[in-house]
Amino acid sequence: ITCLLLPILSIAQVQVNLKQFDQVTEQVKELKKTDLVLSLNKLLPYKDSLGALTVEQNLVYFKLLAEIQIEQNRYAAAKITANRGLDIARRLSSPTILISELLYLKGFSLESLGDLEQATKEYKKGLEVADSLHNKVQIAEGLINLGAIAYLTDDYKRSLVLLNDAYDIARQTDDEELKGTANTELGIIYSYLLQDEQSMAYYKQSYFHF
């Protein structure tokens, strides 16, 4: 009888885990804003149960883990984590915005590690996915990422074009944080151009959105 019950118990446990995973990831999204250690402690127990989760749930897991690692300045680890998520994403029959997000996280990790050339490639890939899905938030995010790379490599003209495009698209969304980020980046590029008054105007607008 015990042997017969084991498969049933195993299936029941998987069902519970799936339900708990979705709830926990919502908690982690909020927790990582204030407590990285606690958010990581809530997420990591699912490490050994990834095979019981859907592909999309796996992508959410690796996305959240990479975000936490970036906040901890563990950029090499975040790059590996984002790559693992992208490898799993190949199982999908159609793209999801999670792929774009993972590519941006990988790009940011590479940027933080000093590999601006490879970071640019990952940002462009992420932007292509976002564009194919007509996701304005992620399109603006991609343009912001590329705009930042442009001013870091002294290509101020291209940076202005990219960041202004990002700003225009961000204004079409309800994402106040995105609008704030677009304004912040424009403030930065104008400070590089030594246009302090214009730079301060964007910083003030950024503060308003945040």
Protein backbone atom coordinates (compact mmCIF):
# COMPACT_ATOMS: atom_id res chain seq x y z
CA ILE A 1 0.00 0.00 0.00
CA THR A 2 2.85 2.36 0.86
CA CYS A 3 4.45 1.75 -2.53
CA LEU A 4 1.15 2.51 -4.26
CA LEU A 5 0.72 5.75 -2.31
CA LEU A 6 4.19 7.14 -3.05
CA PRO A 7 3.49 8.22 -6.67
CA ILE A 8 0.27 9.92 -5.51
CA LEU A 9 2.09 11.78 -2.75
CA SER A 10 4.79 12.79 -5.21
CA ILE A 11 2.27 14.25 -7.67
CA ALA A 12 0.49 16.09 -4.87
CA GLN A 13 3.80 17.58 -3.70
CA VAL A 14 4.56 18.86 -7.23
CA GLN A 15 1.15 20.52 -7.42
CA VAL A 16 1.73 22.24 -4.08
CA ASN A 17 5.19 23.38 -5.18
CA LEU A 18 3.85 24.88 -8.39
CA LYS A 19 1.24 26.86 -6.51
CA GLN A 20 3.73 27.98 -3.90
CA PHE A 21 6.26 28.97 -6.53
CA ASP A 22 3.96 31.50 -8.17
CA GLN A 23 3.10 32.98 -4.77
CA VAL A 24 6.72 33.07 -3.65
CA THR A 25 7.94 34.78 -6.82
CA GLU A 26 5.47 37.60 -6.23
CA GLN A 27 6.84 37.94 -2.71
CA VAL A 28 10.42 37.89 -4.00
CA LYS A 29 9.69 40.70 -6.47
CA GLU A 30 8.70 42.94 -3.58
CA LEU A 31 11.23 41.66 -1.05
CA LYS A 32 14.27 42.21 -3.26
CA LYS A 33 13.57 45.94 -3.17
CA THR A 34 14.32 46.01 0.57
CA ASP A 35 15.88 42.71 1.69
CA LEU A 36 18.11 40.86 -0.78
CA VAL A 37 19.08 38.12 1.67
CA LEU A 38 15.50 37.24 2.56
CA SER A 39 14.38 37.36 -1.07
CA LEU A 40 17.23 35.00 -2.01
CA ASN A 41 16.39 32.65 0.87
CA LYS A 42 12.81 32.43 -0.38
CA LEU A 43 13.84 31.75 -3.98
CA LEU A 44 16.73 29.28 -3.63
CA PRO A 45 14.71 26.36 -2.13
CA TYR A 46 13.23 25.90 -5.62
CA LYS A 47 16.66 25.30 -7.12
CA ASP A 48 16.28 21.52 -6.89
CA SER A 49 12.66 21.53 -8.09
CA LEU A 50 13.10 23.37 -11.39
CA GLY A 51 12.39 20.20 -13.35
CA ALA A 52 8.87 20.15 -11.89
CA LEU A 53 8.18 23.73 -13.03
CA THR A 54 7.12 24.98 -16.45
CA VAL A 55 9.62 26.55 -18.83
CA GLU A 56 8.20 30.02 -18.14
CA GLN A 57 8.44 29.45 -14.39
CA ASN A 58 12.07 28.48 -14.89
CA LEU A 59 12.65 31.74 -16.75
CA VAL A 60 11.05 33.69 -13.91
CA TYR A 61 13.31 31.88 -11.43
CA PHE A 62 16.52 32.71 -13.33
CA LYS A 63 15.39 36.27 -14.01
CA LEU A 64 14.75 36.96 -10.32
CA LEU A 65 17.98 35.25 -9.30
CA ALA A 66 20.01 37.28 -11.81
CA GLU A 67 18.37 40.50 -10.61
CA ILE A 68 19.27 39.71 -7.00
CA GLN A 69 22.84 38.82 -7.95
CA ILE A 70 23.21 42.11 -9.83
CA GLU A 71 21.96 44.01 -6.78
CA GLN A 72 24.64 42.15 -4.81
CA ASN A 73 27.26 43.24 -7.39
CA ARG A 74 27.83 39.58 -8.31
CA TYR A 75 27.98 40.29 -12.03
CA ALA A 76 29.84 37.15 -13.12
CA ALA A 77 27.28 35.00 -11.31
CA ALA A 78 24.42 37.01 -12.81
CA LYS A 79 25.79 36.48 -16.31
CA ILE A 80 25.88 32.71 -15.75
CA THR A 81 22.37 32.75 -14.28
CA ALA A 82 20.94 34.75 -17.19
CA ASN A 83 22.64 32.35 -19.62
CA ARG A 84 21.02 29.36 -17.92
CA GLY A 85 17.63 30.99 -18.32
CA LEU A 86 18.32 31.74 -21.98
CA ASP A 87 19.37 28.14 -22.60
CA ILE A 88 16.04 26.93 -21.18
CA ALA A 89 14.16 29.53 -23.23
CA ARG A 90 15.17 27.63 -26.38
CA ARG A 91 12.50 25.08 -25.50
CA LEU A 92 9.76 27.63 -26.15
CA SER A 93 7.94 27.52 -29.46
CA SER A 94 7.45 31.30 -29.49
CA PRO A 95 9.30 34.21 -27.82
CA THR A 96 8.28 35.70 -24.50
CA ILE A 97 9.19 39.05 -22.97
CA LEU A 98 11.12 37.12 -20.30
CA ILE A 99 13.74 36.38 -22.98
CA SER A 100 14.19 40.10 -23.57
CA GLU A 101 14.53 40.70 -19.83
CA LEU A 102 17.13 37.93 -19.46
CA LEU A 103 19.13 39.34 -22.38
CA TYR A 104 19.12 42.78 -20.77
CA LEU A 105 20.27 41.27 -17.47
CA LYS A 106 23.07 39.43 -19.23
CA GLY A 107 23.97 42.62 -21.06
CA PHE A 108 24.08 44.64 -17.85
CA SER A 109 26.25 42.01 -16.20
CA LEU A 110 28.69 42.16 -19.12
CA GLU A 111 28.61 45.96 -19.08
CA SER A 112 29.41 45.95 -15.36
CA LEU A 113 32.27 43.53 -16.02
CA GLY A 114 33.69 45.97 -18.59
CA ASP A 115 32.77 44.07 -21.77
CA LEU A 116 30.85 46.86 -23.51
CA GLU A 117 31.05 45.26 -26.95
CA GLN A 118 29.39 42.02 -25.89
CA ALA A 119 26.94 43.91 -23.68
CA THR A 120 25.84 45.89 -26.74
CA LYS A 121 25.19 42.66 -28.64
CA GLU A 122 23.01 41.29 -25.83
CA TYR A 123 21.09 44.57 -25.52
CA LYS A 124 20.41 44.54 -29.28
CA LYS A 125 19.15 40.94 -29.11
CA GLY A 126 16.84 41.86 -26.22
CA LEU A 127 15.56 44.89 -28.12
CA GLU A 128 14.79 42.74 -31.17
CA VAL A 129 12.69 40.39 -29.03
CA ALA A 130 10.88 43.31 -27.37
CA ASP A 131 10.24 44.91 -30.77
CA SER A 132 8.85 41.65 -32.19
CA LEU A 133 6.41 41.50 -29.27
CA HIS A 134 5.54 45.23 -29.56
CA ASN A 135 6.29 45.68 -25.87
CA LYS A 136 6.84 49.42 -25.40
CA VAL A 137 8.26 49.15 -21.90
CA GLN A 138 10.96 46.69 -22.92
CA ILE A 139 11.65 48.57 -26.16
CA ALA A 140 12.30 51.72 -24.14
CA GLU A 141 14.45 49.73 -21.70
CA GLY A 142 16.56 48.42 -24.57
CA LEU A 143 17.02 51.89 -26.06
CA ILE A 144 18.04 53.22 -22.64
CA ASN A 145 20.61 50.44 -22.28
CA LEU A 146 22.07 51.14 -25.72
CA GLY A 147 21.98 54.89 -25.12
CA ALA A 148 24.01 54.45 -21.95
CA ILE A 149 26.57 52.32 -23.79
CA ALA A 150 26.81 55.03 -26.45
CA TYR A 151 27.73 57.81 -24.01
CA LEU A 152 30.13 55.50 -22.18
CA THR A 153 31.95 55.05 -25.50
CA ASP A 154 31.86 58.81 -26.22
CA ASP A 155 29.29 58.50 -29.01
CA TYR A 156 27.18 61.35 -27.68
CA LYS A 157 25.24 62.00 -30.88
CA ARG A 158 24.00 58.42 -31.06
CA SER A 159 23.29 58.43 -27.33
CA LEU A 160 21.05 61.49 -27.67
CA VAL A 161 19.07 59.85 -30.48
CA LEU A 162 18.60 56.58 -28.60
CA LEU A 163 17.71 58.19 -25.28
CA ASN A 164 15.27 60.65 -26.84
CA ASP A 165 13.59 57.74 -28.64
CA ALA A 166 13.41 55.88 -25.33
CA TYR A 167 11.94 58.94 -23.63
CA ASP A 168 9.26 59.32 -26.32
CA ILE A 169 8.26 55.66 -26.04
CA ALA A 170 8.33 55.72 -22.22
CA ARG A 171 5.89 58.62 -22.24
CA GLN A 172 3.39 56.37 -24.04
CA THR A 173 3.35 53.95 -21.09
CA ASP A 174 2.05 54.09 -17.52
CA ASP A 175 5.43 53.05 -16.10
CA GLU A 176 6.57 55.96 -13.93
CA GLU A 177 9.87 54.27 -13.03
CA LEU A 178 10.67 53.84 -16.71
CA LYS A 179 9.91 57.51 -17.37
CA GLY A 180 12.12 58.45 -14.45
CA THR A 181 14.97 56.31 -15.75
CA ALA A 182 14.70 57.80 -19.25
CA ASN A 183 14.88 61.31 -17.80
CA THR A 184 17.83 60.37 -15.59
CA GLU A 185 19.79 59.06 -18.56
CA LEU A 186 19.03 62.19 -20.55
CA GLY A 187 20.27 64.20 -17.59
CA ILE A 188 23.50 62.22 -17.67
CA ILE A 189 24.13 62.70 -21.39
CA TYR A 190 23.53 66.45 -21.14
CA SER A 191 25.97 66.61 -18.23
CA TYR A 192 28.53 64.92 -20.48
CA LEU A 193 27.79 67.64 -23.03
CA LEU A 194 28.33 70.27 -20.31
CA GLN A 195 24.78 71.59 -20.72
CA ASP A 196 24.08 71.84 -17.00
CA GLU A 197 20.77 73.68 -17.23
CA GLN A 198 19.27 71.12 -19.60
CA SER A 199 20.75 68.31 -17.51
CA MET A 200 19.17 69.65 -14.32
CA ALA A 201 15.78 69.99 -16.04
CA TYR A 202 15.81 66.27 -16.85
CA TYR A 203 16.97 65.35 -13.36
CA LYS A 204 14.09 67.34 -11.87
CA GLN A 205 11.63 65.62 -14.20
CA SER A 206 13.12 62.26 -13.22
CA TYR A 207 12.57 63.08 -9.54
CA PHE A 208 8.95 63.91 -10.30
CA HIS A 209 8.36 60.51 -11.92
CA PHE A 210 10.14 58.52 -9.21
